[in-house]
Amino acid sequence: MNISASTFEFLKSLKENNNREWFNAHKADYEKAKSNVEDFIQELISKLSTFDPHIDASIQAKKCLFRIYRDVRFAKDKSPYKTWFAAGISLDGRKLEGPEYYLHIGPDCSFMAVGYWRPKKEHLESIRQEIDYNLAAFEETLSSGNLTPDDLSTEDKLVRPPAGYTEDNDAIEYLKLKSFIIFRPLEDRKVLKPFALEDMVQLYQRTINFKNFIHEAINS
């Protein structure tokens, strides 16, 4: 199973013609591209389920795939369609307050991610507390997967320590994070090549200890 070059061609054309008239005229191309991505995600779910007990093979890819239609109500950019496909894979498709696998597929914008994006307040506090108490264990979740702190997303990272922590805390650079995400950009050629799925699964598998650390932190 692989992402087809025709899927990227559709997304490139959509970017150049982001309007309802063009989209409606090319609805068959959209359905073909969407089906390709859904099949890819379904196979990914199957493989994730072999090593992550939080992912059941019965999860349907269509529940994980985000809509291509943009919410433009409060946006300056009124383009009606996203020019990529994206999926969040968690306990219940894409709708979960907790750790998940995320895959973003599109020309010049593909990436993989694992973790918890912008946790709700009580979850954020629990994750920070667990890292503060068990810094060595948290860092081991990275090193055990041959990952480094540089693999963590710093989106929305605080400049100052969060309430209750000080700058001299050994874990302060982690505690300043507002999302706990392993992030890896993907070149187009790596998304489209044969066995791209297997390469993605291998990277996701390397993040399992990191993901489990977050599960345990918010469920303890």
N, C-alpha and C. Protein backbone atom coordinates (compact mmCIF):
# COMPACT_ATOMS: atom_id res chain seq x y z
N MET A 1 0.85 -1.20 0.00
CA MET A 1 0.00 0.00 0.00
C MET A 1 0.88 1.24 0.00
N ASN A 2 0.60 2.19 -0.88
CA ASN A 2 1.38 3.41 -0.89
C ASN A 2 0.52 4.60 -1.32
N ILE A 3 1.02 5.80 -1.03
CA ILE A 3 0.36 7.01 -1.48
C ILE A 3 0.68 7.18 -2.97
N SER A 4 -0.36 7.36 -3.76
CA SER A 4 -0.20 7.46 -5.20
C SER A 4 0.28 8.84 -5.63
N ALA A 5 1.07 8.87 -6.68
CA ALA A 5 1.51 10.16 -7.24
C ALA A 5 0.30 10.96 -7.71
N SER A 6 -0.76 10.28 -8.15
CA SER A 6 -1.96 10.99 -8.61
C SER A 6 -2.65 11.73 -7.47
N THR A 7 -2.49 11.23 -6.25
CA THR A 7 -3.04 11.93 -5.09
C THR A 7 -2.35 13.28 -4.90
N PHE A 8 -1.03 13.29 -5.04
CA PHE A 8 -0.29 14.55 -4.94
C PHE A 8 -0.62 15.47 -6.11
N GLU A 9 -0.82 14.90 -7.29
CA GLU A 9 -1.17 15.73 -8.45
C GLU A 9 -2.52 16.42 -8.23
N PHE A 10 -3.46 15.68 -7.66
CA PHE A 10 -4.76 16.30 -7.35
C PHE A 10 -4.58 17.45 -6.37
N LEU A 11 -3.80 17.24 -5.31
CA LEU A 11 -3.62 18.28 -4.29
C LEU A 11 -2.90 19.50 -4.86
N LYS A 12 -1.93 19.27 -5.76
CA LYS A 12 -1.25 20.40 -6.40
C LYS A 12 -2.23 21.20 -7.25
N SER A 13 -3.08 20.50 -7.99
CA SER A 13 -4.07 21.18 -8.83
C SER A 13 -5.09 21.93 -7.98
N LEU A 14 -5.48 21.32 -6.86
CA LEU A 14 -6.42 21.97 -5.96
C LEU A 14 -5.83 23.26 -5.40
N LYS A 15 -4.55 23.25 -5.09
CA LYS A 15 -3.91 24.46 -4.57
C LYS A 15 -3.95 25.59 -5.59
N GLU A 16 -3.87 25.24 -6.86
CA GLU A 16 -3.89 26.24 -7.92
C GLU A 16 -5.31 26.66 -8.28
N ASN A 17 -6.29 25.83 -7.88
CA ASN A 17 -7.68 26.09 -8.26
C ASN A 17 -8.61 25.89 -7.06
N ASN A 18 -8.31 26.62 -6.00
CA ASN A 18 -9.03 26.38 -4.74
C ASN A 18 -10.36 27.13 -4.75
N ASN A 19 -11.31 26.56 -5.48
CA ASN A 19 -12.65 27.14 -5.54
C ASN A 19 -13.66 26.02 -5.76
N ARG A 20 -14.90 26.30 -5.43
CA ARG A 20 -15.93 25.26 -5.46
C ARG A 20 -16.24 24.77 -6.87
N GLU A 21 -16.16 25.67 -7.84
CA GLU A 21 -16.46 25.26 -9.22
C GLU A 21 -15.47 24.21 -9.70
N TRP A 22 -14.19 24.48 -9.48
CA TRP A 22 -13.16 23.52 -9.92
C TRP A 22 -13.30 22.21 -9.15
N PHE A 23 -13.48 22.33 -7.84
CA PHE A 23 -13.57 21.13 -7.01
C PHE A 23 -14.75 20.25 -7.44
N ASN A 24 -15.89 20.85 -7.66
CA ASN A 24 -17.06 20.08 -8.07
C ASN A 24 -16.84 19.41 -9.43
N ALA A 25 -16.11 20.09 -10.30
CA ALA A 25 -15.82 19.52 -11.62
C ALA A 25 -14.83 18.37 -11.55
N HIS A 26 -14.07 18.32 -10.46
CA HIS A 26 -13.05 17.28 -10.29
C HIS A 26 -13.35 16.41 -9.07
N LYS A 27 -14.63 16.26 -8.77
CA LYS A 27 -15.04 15.49 -7.60
C LYS A 27 -14.57 14.04 -7.69
N ALA A 28 -14.56 13.47 -8.89
CA ALA A 28 -14.11 12.09 -9.05
C ALA A 28 -12.63 11.95 -8.70
N ASP A 29 -11.82 12.95 -9.07
CA ASP A 29 -10.39 12.93 -8.73
C ASP A 29 -10.21 13.03 -7.22
N TYR A 30 -11.05 13.86 -6.59
CA TYR A 30 -11.00 13.97 -5.12
C TYR A 30 -11.34 12.64 -4.46
N GLU A 31 -12.41 12.00 -4.91
CA GLU A 31 -12.82 10.73 -4.31
C GLU A 31 -11.73 9.66 -4.49
N LYS A 32 -11.07 9.67 -5.63
CA LYS A 32 -9.99 8.72 -5.87
C LYS A 32 -8.82 8.98 -4.91
N ALA A 33 -8.45 10.24 -4.76
CA ALA A 33 -7.35 10.60 -3.86
C ALA A 33 -7.71 10.28 -2.41
N LYS A 34 -8.93 10.61 -2.02
CA LYS A 34 -9.38 10.33 -0.66
C LYS A 34 -9.37 8.83 -0.38
N SER A 35 -9.83 8.04 -1.34
CA SER A 35 -9.84 6.59 -1.17
C SER A 35 -8.42 6.04 -1.02
N ASN A 36 -7.50 6.59 -1.78
CA ASN A 36 -6.10 6.18 -1.67
C ASN A 36 -5.55 6.44 -0.27
N VAL A 37 -5.84 7.64 0.25
CA VAL A 37 -5.35 8.00 1.59
C VAL A 37 -6.04 7.15 2.66
N GLU A 38 -7.33 6.92 2.52
CA GLU A 38 -8.05 6.09 3.48
C GLU A 38 -7.48 4.67 3.52
N ASP A 39 -7.20 4.10 2.37
CA ASP A 39 -6.62 2.75 2.32
C ASP A 39 -5.25 2.74 3.01
N PHE A 40 -4.49 3.80 2.79
CA PHE A 40 -3.16 3.91 3.41
C PHE A 40 -3.30 3.98 4.93
N ILE A 41 -4.21 4.82 5.40
CA ILE A 41 -4.43 4.97 6.84
C ILE A 41 -4.95 3.68 7.45
N GLN A 42 -5.82 2.96 6.74
CA GLN A 42 -6.35 1.70 7.27
C GLN A 42 -5.23 0.69 7.48
N GLU A 43 -4.31 0.63 6.53
CA GLU A 43 -3.17 -0.29 6.67
C GLU A 43 -2.26 0.17 7.80
N LEU A 44 -2.10 1.48 7.95
CA LEU A 44 -1.29 2.01 9.04
C LEU A 44 -1.91 1.63 10.39
N ILE A 45 -3.22 1.77 10.52
CA ILE A 45 -3.92 1.40 11.76
C ILE A 45 -3.65 -0.08 12.08
N SER A 46 -3.76 -0.92 11.07
CA SER A 46 -3.53 -2.35 11.27
C SER A 46 -2.14 -2.62 11.83
N LYS A 47 -1.15 -1.93 11.30
CA LYS A 47 0.24 -2.15 11.74
C LYS A 47 0.48 -1.54 13.13
N LEU A 48 -0.10 -0.38 13.40
CA LEU A 48 0.05 0.23 14.73
C LEU A 48 -0.55 -0.67 15.81
N SER A 49 -1.63 -1.35 15.47
CA SER A 49 -2.31 -2.19 16.46
C SER A 49 -1.47 -3.38 16.90
N THR A 50 -0.43 -3.71 16.14
CA THR A 50 0.40 -4.86 16.49
C THR A 50 1.35 -4.58 17.65
N PHE A 51 1.60 -3.27 17.93
CA PHE A 51 2.51 -2.96 19.04
C PHE A 51 1.95 -1.93 20.02
N ASP A 52 0.82 -1.30 19.69
CA ASP A 52 0.24 -0.30 20.59
C ASP A 52 -1.14 -0.78 21.05
N PRO A 53 -1.28 -1.20 22.31
CA PRO A 53 -2.58 -1.70 22.80
C PRO A 53 -3.68 -0.64 22.81
N HIS A 54 -3.32 0.63 22.67
CA HIS A 54 -4.32 1.70 22.63
C HIS A 54 -4.96 1.83 21.25
N ILE A 55 -4.41 1.13 20.27
CA ILE A 55 -4.92 1.20 18.91
C ILE A 55 -5.49 -0.16 18.52
N ASP A 56 -6.79 -0.19 18.25
CA ASP A 56 -7.46 -1.42 17.85
C ASP A 56 -7.56 -1.48 16.32
N ALA A 57 -7.31 -2.65 15.78
CA ALA A 57 -7.32 -2.81 14.33
C ALA A 57 -8.69 -2.52 13.73
N SER A 58 -9.73 -2.53 14.56
CA SER A 58 -11.09 -2.30 14.05
C SER A 58 -11.41 -0.83 13.82
N ILE A 59 -10.53 0.08 14.27
CA ILE A 59 -10.76 1.50 14.05
C ILE A 59 -10.84 1.77 12.55
N GLN A 60 -11.84 2.51 12.13
CA GLN A 60 -12.04 2.79 10.72
C GLN A 60 -11.29 4.05 10.29
N ALA A 61 -10.57 3.94 9.18
CA ALA A 61 -9.79 5.08 8.69
C ALA A 61 -10.65 6.31 8.47
N LYS A 62 -11.88 6.12 8.02
CA LYS A 62 -12.75 7.27 7.75
C LYS A 62 -13.06 8.06 9.02
N LYS A 63 -12.96 7.42 10.20
CA LYS A 63 -13.16 8.13 11.46
C LYS A 63 -11.92 8.91 11.86
N CYS A 64 -10.80 8.58 11.22
CA CYS A 64 -9.53 9.23 11.55
C CYS A 64 -9.20 10.39 10.63
N LEU A 65 -9.76 10.34 9.42
CA LEU A 65 -9.43 11.34 8.41
C LEU A 65 -10.19 12.64 8.66
N PHE A 66 -9.47 13.74 8.62
CA PHE A 66 -10.10 15.05 8.78
C PHE A 66 -10.76 15.49 7.47
N ARG A 67 -11.81 16.27 7.58
CA ARG A 67 -12.51 16.77 6.40
C ARG A 67 -11.60 17.70 5.59
N ILE A 68 -11.78 17.69 4.28
CA ILE A 68 -10.97 18.56 3.42
C ILE A 68 -11.54 19.97 3.38
N TYR A 69 -12.76 20.14 3.88
CA TYR A 69 -13.41 21.45 3.85
C TYR A 69 -12.90 22.32 5.00
N ARG A 70 -12.47 23.53 4.68
CA ARG A 70 -11.95 24.45 5.68
C ARG A 70 -13.09 25.20 6.37
N ASP A 71 -12.88 25.50 7.64
CA ASP A 71 -13.79 26.38 8.37
C ASP A 71 -13.27 27.80 8.18
N VAL A 72 -13.96 28.57 7.35
CA VAL A 72 -13.46 29.90 6.97
C VAL A 72 -14.22 31.02 7.69
N ARG A 73 -15.03 30.68 8.67
CA ARG A 73 -15.87 31.69 9.32
C ARG A 73 -15.06 32.84 9.90
N PHE A 74 -13.92 32.53 10.50
CA PHE A 74 -13.12 33.57 11.15
C PHE A 74 -11.74 33.71 10.52
N ALA A 75 -11.59 33.18 9.31
CA ALA A 75 -10.29 33.18 8.64
C ALA A 75 -10.20 34.28 7.59
N LYS A 76 -9.03 34.90 7.49
CA LYS A 76 -8.80 35.88 6.43
C LYS A 76 -8.74 35.18 5.08
N ASP A 77 -8.13 34.00 5.07
CA ASP A 77 -8.06 33.19 3.85
C ASP A 77 -9.39 32.46 3.68
N LYS A 78 -10.14 32.79 2.67
CA LYS A 78 -11.46 32.19 2.46
C LYS A 78 -11.42 31.01 1.49
N SER A 79 -10.24 30.49 1.20
CA SER A 79 -10.14 29.31 0.34
C SER A 79 -10.95 28.18 0.98
N PRO A 80 -11.85 27.56 0.22
CA PRO A 80 -12.79 26.61 0.84
C PRO A 80 -12.21 25.24 1.17
N TYR A 81 -11.03 24.90 0.62
CA TYR A 81 -10.52 23.53 0.79
C TYR A 81 -9.09 23.51 1.32
N LYS A 82 -8.81 22.54 2.14
CA LYS A 82 -7.44 22.26 2.53
C LYS A 82 -6.72 21.64 1.33
N THR A 83 -5.44 21.84 1.24
CA THR A 83 -4.68 21.29 0.12
C THR A 83 -3.77 20.15 0.60
N TRP A 84 -4.26 19.43 1.57
CA TRP A 84 -3.59 18.26 2.11
C TRP A 84 -4.63 17.33 2.69
N PHE A 85 -4.22 16.11 3.00
CA PHE A 85 -5.04 15.18 3.77
C PHE A 85 -4.36 14.98 5.12
N ALA A 86 -5.16 14.78 6.15
CA ALA A 86 -4.60 14.57 7.49
C ALA A 86 -5.46 13.59 8.26
N ALA A 87 -4.80 12.84 9.13
CA ALA A 87 -5.51 11.85 9.94
C ALA A 87 -4.94 11.83 11.34
N GLY A 88 -5.84 11.69 12.32
CA GLY A 88 -5.44 11.50 13.71
C GLY A 88 -5.90 10.12 14.16
N ILE A 89 -4.98 9.32 14.63
CA ILE A 89 -5.29 7.93 15.00
C ILE A 89 -5.13 7.77 16.50
N SER A 90 -6.27 7.54 17.18
CA SER A 90 -6.25 7.40 18.63
C SER A 90 -7.23 6.31 19.03
N LEU A 91 -7.59 6.29 20.30
CA LEU A 91 -8.52 5.29 20.81
C LEU A 91 -9.85 5.30 20.07
N ASP A 92 -10.25 6.48 19.61
CA ASP A 92 -11.55 6.61 18.95
C ASP A 92 -11.42 7.51 17.74
N GLY A 93 -10.70 7.02 16.74
CA GLY A 93 -10.50 7.82 15.56
C GLY A 93 -9.72 9.08 15.85
N ARG A 94 -10.19 10.22 15.33
CA ARG A 94 -9.45 11.47 15.49
C ARG A 94 -9.97 12.30 16.66
N LYS A 95 -10.99 11.85 17.36
CA LYS A 95 -11.61 12.67 18.40
C LYS A 95 -11.27 12.13 19.78
N LEU A 96 -10.21 12.67 20.36
CA LEU A 96 -9.79 12.20 21.67
C LEU A 96 -8.99 13.29 22.37
N GLU A 97 -9.19 13.43 23.66
CA GLU A 97 -8.34 14.30 24.47
C GLU A 97 -7.27 13.42 25.08
N GLY A 98 -6.20 13.22 24.33
CA GLY A 98 -5.13 12.34 24.78
C GLY A 98 -4.12 12.13 23.67
N PRO A 99 -3.16 11.26 23.87
CA PRO A 99 -2.11 11.02 22.87
C PRO A 99 -2.67 10.37 21.61
N GLU A 100 -2.08 10.70 20.49
CA GLU A 100 -2.49 10.11 19.22
C GLU A 100 -1.33 10.12 18.23
N TYR A 101 -1.53 9.37 17.16
CA TYR A 101 -0.64 9.43 16.00
C TYR A 101 -1.28 10.38 15.00
N TYR A 102 -0.47 11.21 14.36
CA TYR A 102 -0.99 12.15 13.38
C TYR A 102 -0.16 12.04 12.11
N LEU A 103 -0.84 12.06 10.97
CA LEU A 103 -0.16 12.02 9.68
C LEU A 103 -0.75 13.09 8.78
N HIS A 104 0.13 13.89 8.22
CA HIS A 104 -0.24 15.03 7.37
C HIS A 104 0.37 14.78 6.00
N ILE A 105 -0.45 14.67 4.98
CA ILE A 105 0.01 14.27 3.65
C ILE A 105 -0.33 15.34 2.61
N GLY A 106 0.70 15.88 1.96
CA GLY A 106 0.47 16.86 0.91
C GLY A 106 1.79 17.31 0.31
N PRO A 107 1.78 17.82 -0.92
CA PRO A 107 3.01 18.28 -1.56
C PRO A 107 3.72 19.35 -0.75
N ASP A 108 4.97 19.09 -0.45
CA ASP A 108 5.83 20.05 0.26
C ASP A 108 5.36 20.38 1.67
N CYS A 109 4.47 19.57 2.25
CA CYS A 109 4.00 19.90 3.61
C CYS A 109 3.75 18.65 4.46
N SER A 110 4.26 17.51 4.04
CA SER A 110 3.98 16.27 4.77
C SER A 110 4.79 16.18 6.06
N PHE A 111 4.18 15.61 7.10
CA PHE A 111 4.91 15.35 8.33
C PHE A 111 4.18 14.29 9.16
N MET A 112 4.92 13.71 10.07
CA MET A 112 4.39 12.75 11.04
C MET A 112 4.50 13.37 12.42
N ALA A 113 3.60 12.98 13.31
CA ALA A 113 3.67 13.44 14.69
C ALA A 113 3.06 12.39 15.61
N VAL A 114 3.53 12.38 16.84
CA VAL A 114 2.99 11.49 17.87
C VAL A 114 2.96 12.27 19.18
N GLY A 115 1.88 12.15 19.92
CA GLY A 115 1.84 12.77 21.24
C GLY A 115 0.51 13.45 21.51
N TYR A 116 0.56 14.48 22.33
CA TYR A 116 -0.66 15.16 22.79
C TYR A 116 -0.51 16.64 22.46
N TRP A 117 -1.33 17.12 21.50
CA TRP A 117 -1.29 18.50 21.07
C TRP A 117 -2.21 19.35 21.94
N ARG A 118 -1.64 20.36 22.55
CA ARG A 118 -2.37 21.30 23.39
C ARG A 118 -3.31 20.60 24.37
N PRO A 119 -2.75 19.88 25.33
CA PRO A 119 -3.59 19.17 26.31
C PRO A 119 -4.48 20.13 27.09
N LYS A 120 -5.66 19.62 27.49
CA LYS A 120 -6.50 20.44 28.35
C LYS A 120 -5.78 20.66 29.68
N LYS A 121 -6.20 21.67 30.43
CA LYS A 121 -5.47 22.17 31.59
C LYS A 121 -5.06 21.07 32.56
N GLU A 122 -6.00 20.22 32.96
CA GLU A 122 -5.65 19.21 33.96
C GLU A 122 -4.68 18.18 33.42
N HIS A 123 -4.79 17.87 32.12
CA HIS A 123 -3.85 16.93 31.51
C HIS A 123 -2.46 17.54 31.38
N LEU A 124 -2.41 18.83 31.02
CA LEU A 124 -1.13 19.51 30.91
C LEU A 124 -0.42 19.52 32.26
N GLU A 125 -1.16 19.80 33.31
CA GLU A 125 -0.57 19.82 34.64
C GLU A 125 -0.07 18.43 35.03
N SER A 126 -0.82 17.39 34.69
CA SER A 126 -0.42 16.01 35.03
C SER A 126 0.85 15.60 34.28
N ILE A 127 0.95 15.98 33.02
CA ILE A 127 2.14 15.63 32.24
C ILE A 127 3.36 16.35 32.79
N ARG A 128 3.21 17.63 33.07
CA ARG A 128 4.34 18.38 33.63
C ARG A 128 4.76 17.81 34.98
N GLN A 129 3.79 17.47 35.80
CA GLN A 129 4.12 16.91 37.11
C GLN A 129 4.87 15.59 36.97
N GLU A 130 4.44 14.75 36.04
CA GLU A 130 5.10 13.46 35.85
C GLU A 130 6.53 13.63 35.34
N ILE A 131 6.74 14.60 34.46
CA ILE A 131 8.09 14.87 33.97
C ILE A 131 8.96 15.41 35.10
N ASP A 132 8.40 16.28 35.92
CA ASP A 132 9.14 16.85 37.05
C ASP A 132 9.55 15.76 38.02
N TYR A 133 8.63 14.82 38.29
CA TYR A 133 8.93 13.74 39.24
C TYR A 133 9.86 12.68 38.65
N ASN A 134 9.74 12.46 37.34
CA ASN A 134 10.44 11.34 36.72
C ASN A 134 11.17 11.79 35.46
N LEU A 135 12.03 12.78 35.60
CA LEU A 135 12.76 13.33 34.45
C LEU A 135 13.59 12.26 33.75
N ALA A 136 14.30 11.46 34.52
CA ALA A 136 15.14 10.43 33.90
C ALA A 136 14.31 9.45 33.08
N ALA A 137 13.14 9.08 33.62
CA ALA A 137 12.27 8.15 32.90
C ALA A 137 11.74 8.79 31.62
N PHE A 138 11.42 10.08 31.68
CA PHE A 138 10.94 10.76 30.48
C PHE A 138 12.02 10.81 29.41
N GLU A 139 13.23 11.17 29.83
CA GLU A 139 14.33 11.25 28.85
C GLU A 139 14.66 9.88 28.29
N GLU A 140 14.43 8.84 29.08
CA GLU A 140 14.66 7.48 28.60
C GLU A 140 13.64 7.12 27.51
N THR A 141 12.43 7.68 27.57
CA THR A 141 11.46 7.40 26.52
C THR A 141 11.95 7.92 25.17
N LEU A 142 12.75 8.96 25.20
CA LEU A 142 13.33 9.50 23.97
C LEU A 142 14.52 8.67 23.52
N SER A 143 15.47 8.48 24.42
CA SER A 143 16.70 7.78 24.04
C SER A 143 16.43 6.33 23.65
N SER A 144 15.41 5.71 24.26
CA SER A 144 15.11 4.31 23.93
C SER A 144 14.61 4.17 22.49
N GLY A 145 14.10 5.25 21.92
CA GLY A 145 13.65 5.24 20.54
C GLY A 145 14.63 5.92 19.60
N ASN A 146 15.85 6.14 20.11
CA ASN A 146 16.88 6.85 19.33
C ASN A 146 16.38 8.23 18.90
N LEU A 147 15.69 8.89 19.84
CA LEU A 147 15.18 10.23 19.63
C LEU A 147 15.90 11.19 20.57
N THR A 148 15.83 12.47 20.29
CA THR A 148 16.46 13.48 21.12
C THR A 148 15.46 14.58 21.44
N PRO A 149 15.79 15.46 22.39
CA PRO A 149 14.89 16.59 22.67
C PRO A 149 14.60 17.44 21.44
N ASP A 150 15.50 17.44 20.46
CA ASP A 150 15.28 18.21 19.23
C ASP A 150 14.12 17.67 18.40
N ASP A 151 13.71 16.43 18.66
CA ASP A 151 12.58 15.85 17.95
C ASP A 151 11.25 16.32 18.52
N LEU A 152 11.28 17.01 19.66
CA LEU A 152 10.05 17.51 20.27
C LEU A 152 9.64 18.83 19.63
N SER A 153 8.36 18.97 19.32
CA SER A 153 7.85 20.24 18.79
C SER A 153 7.91 21.31 19.87
N THR A 154 8.31 22.51 19.48
CA THR A 154 8.37 23.62 20.43
C THR A 154 7.27 24.65 20.13
N GLU A 155 6.25 24.24 19.37
CA GLU A 155 5.13 25.13 19.08
C GLU A 155 4.48 25.62 20.38
N ASP A 156 4.28 26.91 20.48
CA ASP A 156 3.64 27.53 21.66
C ASP A 156 4.46 27.42 22.94
N LYS A 157 5.73 27.07 22.84
CA LYS A 157 6.55 26.90 24.04
C LYS A 157 6.61 28.21 24.83
N LEU A 158 6.48 28.08 26.15
CA LEU A 158 6.53 29.25 27.02
C LEU A 158 7.93 29.86 27.07
N VAL A 159 8.00 31.16 27.27
CA VAL A 159 9.28 31.83 27.46
C VAL A 159 9.70 31.74 28.92
N ARG A 160 8.73 31.86 29.82
CA ARG A 160 8.98 31.79 31.26
C ARG A 160 8.48 30.46 31.82
N PRO A 161 8.98 30.06 32.98
CA PRO A 161 8.51 28.81 33.60
C PRO A 161 7.02 28.87 33.88
N PRO A 162 6.33 27.76 33.75
CA PRO A 162 4.90 27.74 34.10
C PRO A 162 4.73 27.90 35.61
N ALA A 163 3.55 28.24 36.03
CA ALA A 163 3.26 28.45 37.45
C ALA A 163 3.65 27.22 38.25
N GLY A 164 4.35 27.44 39.35
CA GLY A 164 4.74 26.34 40.23
C GLY A 164 6.12 25.80 39.97
N TYR A 165 6.79 26.29 38.94
CA TYR A 165 8.13 25.80 38.59
C TYR A 165 9.08 26.99 38.46
N THR A 166 10.37 26.70 38.62
CA THR A 166 11.37 27.76 38.54
C THR A 166 12.38 27.44 37.44
N GLU A 167 13.11 28.47 37.05
CA GLU A 167 14.04 28.35 35.93
C GLU A 167 15.17 27.37 36.21
N ASP A 168 15.48 27.13 37.49
CA ASP A 168 16.59 26.22 37.81
C ASP A 168 16.17 24.75 37.87
N ASN A 169 14.92 24.45 37.54
CA ASN A 169 14.46 23.06 37.50
C ASN A 169 15.17 22.34 36.35
N ASP A 170 15.71 21.15 36.63
CA ASP A 170 16.45 20.40 35.61
C ASP A 170 15.59 20.08 34.38
N ALA A 171 14.29 20.03 34.57
CA ALA A 171 13.38 19.66 33.48
C ALA A 171 12.71 20.88 32.85
N ILE A 172 13.20 22.08 33.15
CA ILE A 172 12.44 23.28 32.81
C ILE A 172 12.15 23.43 31.32
N GLU A 173 13.07 23.01 30.45
CA GLU A 173 12.83 23.17 29.01
C GLU A 173 11.69 22.28 28.54
N TYR A 174 11.50 21.13 29.18
CA TYR A 174 10.35 20.28 28.87
C TYR A 174 9.08 20.86 29.50
N LEU A 175 9.21 21.40 30.70
CA LEU A 175 8.04 21.90 31.42
C LEU A 175 7.45 23.15 30.77
N LYS A 176 8.25 23.84 29.98
CA LYS A 176 7.76 25.02 29.26
C LYS A 176 6.90 24.65 28.05
N LEU A 177 6.95 23.40 27.65
CA LEU A 177 6.17 22.98 26.48
C LEU A 177 4.69 23.03 26.79
N LYS A 178 3.89 23.40 25.79
CA LYS A 178 2.43 23.39 25.92
C LYS A 178 1.81 22.24 25.14
N SER A 179 2.62 21.60 24.29
CA SER A 179 2.23 20.37 23.61
C SER A 179 3.39 19.40 23.74
N PHE A 180 3.08 18.12 23.77
CA PHE A 180 4.12 17.11 23.92
C PHE A 180 4.05 16.20 22.70
N ILE A 181 4.82 16.60 21.70
CA ILE A 181 4.72 16.02 20.36
C ILE A 181 6.10 15.68 19.82
N ILE A 182 6.26 14.45 19.34
CA ILE A 182 7.41 14.10 18.51
C ILE A 182 7.02 14.46 17.08
N PHE A 183 7.85 15.25 16.43
CA PHE A 183 7.53 15.78 15.10
C PHE A 183 8.62 15.40 14.12
N ARG A 184 8.21 14.95 12.93
CA ARG A 184 9.18 14.59 11.90
C ARG A 184 8.66 14.99 10.52
N PRO A 185 9.30 15.99 9.87
CA PRO A 185 8.88 16.36 8.51
C PRO A 185 9.22 15.24 7.52
N LEU A 186 8.48 15.19 6.42
CA LEU A 186 8.67 14.16 5.41
C LEU A 186 8.81 14.80 4.04
N GLU A 187 9.86 14.46 3.34
CA GLU A 187 10.01 14.92 1.96
C GLU A 187 9.01 14.18 1.07
N ASP A 188 8.60 14.83 0.00
CA ASP A 188 7.63 14.21 -0.91
C ASP A 188 8.10 12.85 -1.39
N ARG A 189 9.37 12.75 -1.73
CA ARG A 189 9.87 11.48 -2.28
C ARG A 189 9.78 10.35 -1.25
N LYS A 190 9.86 10.70 0.02
CA LYS A 190 9.77 9.67 1.06
C LYS A 190 8.33 9.23 1.32
N VAL A 191 7.39 10.13 1.00
CA VAL A 191 5.98 9.77 1.13
C VAL A 191 5.53 8.90 -0.03
N LEU A 192 6.04 9.19 -1.21
CA LEU A 192 5.59 8.52 -2.43
C LEU A 192 6.37 7.25 -2.77
N LYS A 193 7.49 7.03 -2.12
CA LYS A 193 8.31 5.88 -2.48
C LYS A 193 7.65 4.56 -2.04
N PRO A 194 8.00 3.45 -2.69
CA PRO A 194 7.53 2.14 -2.20
C PRO A 194 8.02 1.91 -0.77
N PHE A 195 7.24 1.24 0.01
CA PHE A 195 7.58 0.90 1.41
C PHE A 195 7.62 2.13 2.33
N ALA A 196 7.02 3.25 1.88
CA ALA A 196 6.95 4.42 2.76
C ALA A 196 6.18 4.08 4.03
N LEU A 197 5.13 3.27 3.89
CA LEU A 197 4.33 2.89 5.05
C LEU A 197 5.18 2.18 6.09
N GLU A 198 6.01 1.26 5.65
CA GLU A 198 6.86 0.51 6.57
C GLU A 198 7.82 1.45 7.30
N ASP A 199 8.37 2.44 6.58
CA ASP A 199 9.28 3.40 7.22
C ASP A 199 8.55 4.22 8.28
N MET A 200 7.32 4.62 7.97
CA MET A 200 6.55 5.39 8.94
C MET A 200 6.25 4.56 10.18
N VAL A 201 5.88 3.32 9.98
CA VAL A 201 5.58 2.44 11.11
C VAL A 201 6.79 2.28 12.00
N GLN A 202 7.96 2.14 11.40
CA GLN A 202 9.19 1.98 12.19
C GLN A 202 9.43 3.20 13.07
N LEU A 203 9.20 4.39 12.51
CA LEU A 203 9.38 5.61 13.31
C LEU A 203 8.34 5.68 14.41
N TYR A 204 7.09 5.40 14.08
CA TYR A 204 6.05 5.42 15.10
C TYR A 204 6.37 4.42 16.23
N GLN A 205 6.90 3.28 15.86
CA GLN A 205 7.22 2.27 16.88
C GLN A 205 8.30 2.77 17.82
N ARG A 206 9.20 3.58 17.31
CA ARG A 206 10.26 4.13 18.16
C ARG A 206 9.72 5.13 19.17
N THR A 207 8.51 5.63 18.95
CA THR A 207 7.93 6.62 19.86
C THR A 207 7.00 6.01 20.91
N ILE A 208 6.86 4.69 20.92
CA ILE A 208 5.84 4.06 21.76
C ILE A 208 6.07 4.33 23.25
N ASN A 209 7.32 4.34 23.71
CA ASN A 209 7.58 4.60 25.13
C ASN A 209 7.22 6.04 25.50
N PHE A 210 7.49 6.96 24.59
CA PHE A 210 7.12 8.37 24.79
C PHE A 210 5.60 8.49 24.89
N LYS A 211 4.90 7.86 23.97
CA LYS A 211 3.44 7.93 23.96
C LYS A 211 2.86 7.29 25.22
N ASN A 212 3.40 6.16 25.63
CA ASN A 212 2.91 5.48 26.83
C ASN A 212 3.15 6.32 28.08
N PHE A 213 4.26 7.06 28.12
CA PHE A 213 4.54 7.94 29.26
C PHE A 213 3.41 8.95 29.42
N ILE A 214 2.94 9.50 28.30
CA ILE A 214 1.85 10.49 28.37
C ILE A 214 0.55 9.84 28.78
N HIS A 215 0.26 8.65 28.24
CA HIS A 215 -0.94 7.92 28.66
C HIS A 215 -0.93 7.74 30.18
N GLU A 216 0.19 7.27 30.71
CA GLU A 216 0.27 6.98 32.14
C GLU A 216 0.17 8.26 32.96
N ALA A 217 0.75 9.34 32.46
CA ALA A 217 0.71 10.61 33.21
C ALA A 217 -0.71 11.12 33.37
N ILE A 218 -1.52 11.03 32.33
CA ILE A 218 -2.87 11.60 32.41
C ILE A 218 -3.88 10.62 33.02
N ASN A 219 -3.49 9.37 33.13
CA ASN A 219 -4.42 8.36 33.69
C ASN A 219 -4.08 7.96 35.11
N SER A 220 -2.96 8.48 35.64
CA SER A 220 -2.55 8.09 36.99
C SER A 220 -3.34 8.83 38.07
